[in-house]
Amino acid sequence: MLKPCLACLALLASLPALAQVTTATLYGRIVDPSGAGVPQAKILILNEQTNARANAVSDPSGEFTIPFLTAGSYTISLEAQGFKGQKQTGVLLSAGQRVGAEFRLELGNVAEVVEVSSSAPLIN
């Protein structure tokens, strides 16, 4: 009876330990006023405490993913040719969190920036 129990313990000990996740992931989609994805949009995310930066470019359907972000408060800046820039401050990311969002860009000059200071919460 003891042998099967030892075999179970040996099997459990050989499994890799589950690592604690200490970073967050931001993913989303950038769309135009009609809801179509905006390809080649530039995404910059800035940690407001450490000034650490991460960049991404949206794919042909307007989607992007930025993994391995440390927990903290972030500013997200978006720009694409033919659209007004967009800036959202105070986006809180927690360790282990996967946050999704859809950003709607307005037609206009890139030099114009739409600043979002309060909005609906991002999707977890």
C-alpha atoms as a PDB file:
ATOM      1  CA  MET A   1       0.000   0.000   0.000  1.00  0.00           C
ATOM      2  CA  LEU A   2       2.889   2.330   0.684  1.00  0.00           C
ATOM      3  CA  LYS A   3       4.481   1.844  -2.774  1.00  0.00           C
ATOM      4  CA  PRO A   4       1.582   3.455  -4.759  1.00  0.00           C
ATOM      5  CA  CYS A   5       1.627   6.406  -2.386  1.00  0.00           C
ATOM      6  CA  LEU A   6       5.364   6.908  -2.892  1.00  0.00           C
ATOM      7  CA  ALA A   7       4.851   6.696  -6.649  1.00  0.00           C
ATOM      8  CA  CYS A   8       2.230   9.454  -6.444  1.00  0.00           C
ATOM      9  CA  LEU A   9       4.558  11.647  -4.405  1.00  0.00           C
ATOM     10  CA  ALA A  10       7.374  11.101  -6.879  1.00  0.00           C
ATOM     11  CA  LEU A  11       5.056  12.022  -9.755  1.00  0.00           C
ATOM     12  CA  LEU A  12       3.865  15.194  -8.010  1.00  0.00           C
ATOM     13  CA  ALA A  13       7.425  16.213  -7.162  1.00  0.00           C
ATOM     14  CA  SER A  14       8.427  15.906 -10.805  1.00  0.00           C
ATOM     15  CA  LEU A  15       5.753  18.353 -12.001  1.00  0.00           C
ATOM     16  CA  PRO A  16       7.062  21.880 -12.591  1.00  0.00           C
ATOM     17  CA  ALA A  17       6.220  24.322  -9.847  1.00  0.00           C
ATOM     18  CA  LEU A  18       3.652  26.930 -10.793  1.00  0.00           C
ATOM     19  CA  ALA A  19       5.391  30.280 -11.012  1.00  0.00           C
ATOM     20  CA  GLN A  20       3.737  33.353  -9.588  1.00  0.00           C
ATOM     21  CA  VAL A  21       2.879  35.865 -12.298  1.00  0.00           C
ATOM     22  CA  THR A  22       4.294  39.300 -11.488  1.00  0.00           C
ATOM     23  CA  THR A  23       3.515  41.184 -14.690  1.00  0.00           C
ATOM     24  CA  ALA A  24       0.428  42.318 -16.586  1.00  0.00           C
ATOM     25  CA  THR A  25      -0.550  42.189 -20.253  1.00  0.00           C
ATOM     26  CA  LEU A  26      -2.376  44.920 -22.154  1.00  0.00           C
ATOM     27  CA  TYR A  27      -4.101  43.862 -25.352  1.00  0.00           C
ATOM     28  CA  GLY A  28      -6.677  45.484 -27.529  1.00  0.00           C
ATOM     29  CA  ARG A  29      -7.895  46.770 -30.833  1.00  0.00           C
ATOM     30  CA  ILE A  30      -7.660  50.190 -32.409  1.00  0.00           C
ATOM     31  CA  VAL A  31     -10.612  51.105 -34.609  1.00  0.00           C
ATOM     32  CA  ASP A  32     -11.725  54.008 -36.795  1.00  0.00           C
ATOM     33  CA  PRO A  33     -15.110  55.797 -36.451  1.00  0.00           C
ATOM     34  CA  SER A  34     -16.820  53.051 -38.507  1.00  0.00           C
ATOM     35  CA  GLY A  35     -15.450  50.283 -36.265  1.00  0.00           C
ATOM     36  CA  ALA A  36     -12.896  48.973 -38.770  1.00  0.00           C
ATOM     37  CA  GLY A  37      -9.454  48.034 -37.431  1.00  0.00           C
ATOM     38  CA  VAL A  38      -6.649  50.566 -37.891  1.00  0.00           C
ATOM     39  CA  PRO A  39      -3.456  48.836 -39.086  1.00  0.00           C
ATOM     40  CA  GLN A  40       0.019  50.156 -38.286  1.00  0.00           C
ATOM     41  CA  ALA A  41      -1.182  52.323 -35.386  1.00  0.00           C
ATOM     42  CA  LYS A  42       1.606  53.102 -32.934  1.00  0.00           C
ATOM     43  CA  ILE A  43       0.996  52.320 -29.266  1.00  0.00           C
ATOM     44  CA  LEU A  44       3.242  53.684 -26.516  1.00  0.00           C
ATOM     45  CA  ILE A  45       2.651  52.728 -22.901  1.00  0.00           C
ATOM     46  CA  LEU A  46       4.533  54.630 -20.199  1.00  0.00           C
ATOM     47  CA  ASN A  47       4.787  53.585 -16.544  1.00  0.00           C
ATOM     48  CA  GLU A  48       3.969  56.783 -14.648  1.00  0.00           C
ATOM     49  CA  GLN A  49       6.157  55.853 -11.645  1.00  0.00           C
ATOM     50  CA  THR A  50       9.283  54.504 -13.354  1.00  0.00           C
ATOM     51  CA  ASN A  51       9.087  56.071 -16.841  1.00  0.00           C
ATOM     52  CA  ALA A  52       9.612  52.577 -18.318  1.00  0.00           C
ATOM     53  CA  ARG A  53       8.253  52.466 -21.872  1.00  0.00           C
ATOM     54  CA  ALA A  54       6.889  49.733 -24.093  1.00  0.00           C
ATOM     55  CA  ASN A  55       5.907  50.067 -27.760  1.00  0.00           C
ATOM     56  CA  ALA A  56       3.749  48.103 -30.149  1.00  0.00           C
ATOM     57  CA  VAL A  57       2.257  48.473 -33.613  1.00  0.00           C
ATOM     58  CA  SER A  58      -1.227  47.225 -34.443  1.00  0.00           C
ATOM     59  CA  ASP A  59      -1.567  44.357 -36.912  1.00  0.00           C
ATOM     60  CA  PRO A  60      -3.666  44.516 -40.127  1.00  0.00           C
ATOM     61  CA  SER A  61      -6.887  44.080 -38.112  1.00  0.00           C
ATOM     62  CA  GLY A  62      -5.935  46.789 -35.597  1.00  0.00           C
ATOM     63  CA  GLU A  63      -5.053  44.386 -32.777  1.00  0.00           C
ATOM     64  CA  PHE A  64      -2.021  44.587 -30.478  1.00  0.00           C
ATOM     65  CA  THR A  65      -0.571  42.948 -27.368  1.00  0.00           C
ATOM     66  CA  ILE A  66       1.963  44.338 -24.911  1.00  0.00           C
ATOM     67  CA  PRO A  67       3.053  41.677 -22.380  1.00  0.00           C
ATOM     68  CA  PHE A  68       5.345  41.779 -19.345  1.00  0.00           C
ATOM     69  CA  LEU A  69       4.282  45.140 -17.888  1.00  0.00           C
ATOM     70  CA  THR A  70       5.104  45.673 -14.230  1.00  0.00           C
ATOM     71  CA  ALA A  71       2.189  46.529 -11.974  1.00  0.00           C
ATOM     72  CA  GLY A  72       1.515  50.258 -11.761  1.00  0.00           C
ATOM     73  CA  SER A  73      -0.196  53.253 -13.290  1.00  0.00           C
ATOM     74  CA  TYR A  74       0.281  53.825 -17.020  1.00  0.00           C
ATOM     75  CA  THR A  75      -0.294  56.411 -19.730  1.00  0.00           C
ATOM     76  CA  ILE A  76      -1.307  54.959 -23.096  1.00  0.00           C
ATOM     77  CA  SER A  77      -0.628  57.047 -26.222  1.00  0.00           C
ATOM     78  CA  LEU A  78      -1.920  56.105 -29.668  1.00  0.00           C
ATOM     79  CA  GLU A  79      -1.267  57.560 -33.104  1.00  0.00           C
ATOM     80  CA  ALA A  80      -1.963  56.558 -36.683  1.00  0.00           C
ATOM     81  CA  GLN A  81      -1.653  58.364 -39.985  1.00  0.00           C
ATOM     82  CA  GLY A  82      -4.863  60.249 -40.824  1.00  0.00           C
ATOM     83  CA  PHE A  83      -6.182  60.159 -37.236  1.00  0.00           C
ATOM     84  CA  LYS A  84      -6.009  62.399 -34.174  1.00  0.00           C
ATOM     85  CA  GLY A  85      -3.667  61.081 -31.502  1.00  0.00           C
ATOM     86  CA  GLN A  86      -5.163  59.734 -28.286  1.00  0.00           C
ATOM     87  CA  LYS A  87      -3.757  59.749 -24.764  1.00  0.00           C
ATOM     88  CA  GLN A  88      -5.238  57.983 -21.735  1.00  0.00           C
ATOM     89  CA  THR A  89      -3.686  58.491 -18.289  1.00  0.00           C
ATOM     90  CA  GLY A  90      -4.059  56.678 -14.987  1.00  0.00           C
ATOM     91  CA  VAL A  91      -4.582  53.171 -16.380  1.00  0.00           C
ATOM     92  CA  LEU A  92      -3.934  50.823 -13.442  1.00  0.00           C
ATOM     93  CA  LEU A  93      -2.427  47.406 -14.130  1.00  0.00           C
ATOM     94  CA  SER A  94      -2.014  44.723 -11.458  1.00  0.00           C
ATOM     95  CA  ALA A  95       0.253  41.686 -11.371  1.00  0.00           C
ATOM     96  CA  GLY A  96      -1.245  38.739 -13.250  1.00  0.00           C
ATOM     97  CA  GLN A  97      -3.857  40.909 -14.951  1.00  0.00           C
ATOM     98  CA  ARG A  98      -4.768  40.628 -18.662  1.00  0.00           C
ATOM     99  CA  VAL A  99      -6.460  43.873 -19.628  1.00  0.00           C
ATOM    100  CA  GLY A 100      -8.252  44.355 -22.924  1.00  0.00           C
ATOM    101  CA  ALA A 101      -9.497  47.584 -24.444  1.00  0.00           C
ATOM    102  CA  GLU A 102     -10.859  48.996 -27.675  1.00  0.00           C
ATOM    103  CA  PHE A 103      -9.610  52.425 -28.680  1.00  0.00           C
ATOM    104  CA  ARG A 104     -11.627  54.463 -31.202  1.00  0.00           C
ATOM    105  CA  LEU A 105      -9.545  57.024 -33.102  1.00  0.00           C
ATOM    106  CA  GLU A 106     -11.097  60.134 -34.635  1.00  0.00           C
ATOM    107  CA  LEU A 107     -10.237  61.279 -38.142  1.00  0.00           C
ATOM    108  CA  GLY A 108      -7.895  64.258 -38.184  1.00  0.00           C
ATOM    109  CA  ASN A 109      -4.310  65.383 -37.971  1.00  0.00           C
ATOM    110  CA  VAL A 110      -1.872  63.317 -35.873  1.00  0.00           C
ATOM    111  CA  ALA A 111      -0.740  66.558 -34.196  1.00  0.00           C
ATOM    112  CA  GLU A 112      -4.193  66.864 -32.607  1.00  0.00           C
ATOM    113  CA  VAL A 113      -4.490  64.787 -29.441  1.00  0.00           C
ATOM    114  CA  VAL A 114      -7.665  63.607 -27.753  1.00  0.00           C
ATOM    115  CA  GLU A 115      -6.895  63.273 -24.046  1.00  0.00           C
ATOM    116  CA  VAL A 116      -9.035  60.847 -22.056  1.00  0.00           C
ATOM    117  CA  SER A 117      -8.902  61.444 -18.321  1.00  0.00           C
ATOM    118  CA  SER A 118     -11.860  59.365 -17.222  1.00  0.00           C
ATOM    119  CA  SER A 119     -13.487  56.548 -19.111  1.00  0.00           C
ATOM    120  CA  ALA A 120     -15.230  53.241 -18.733  1.00  0.00           C
ATOM    121  CA  PRO A 121     -13.017  50.639 -17.031  1.00  0.00           C
ATOM    122  CA  LEU A 122     -10.859  48.428 -19.186  1.00  0.00           C
ATOM    123  CA  ILE A 123     -11.966  44.800 -19.622  1.00  0.00           C
ATOM    124  CA  ASN A 124     -10.306  42.174 -17.435  1.00  0.00           C
END
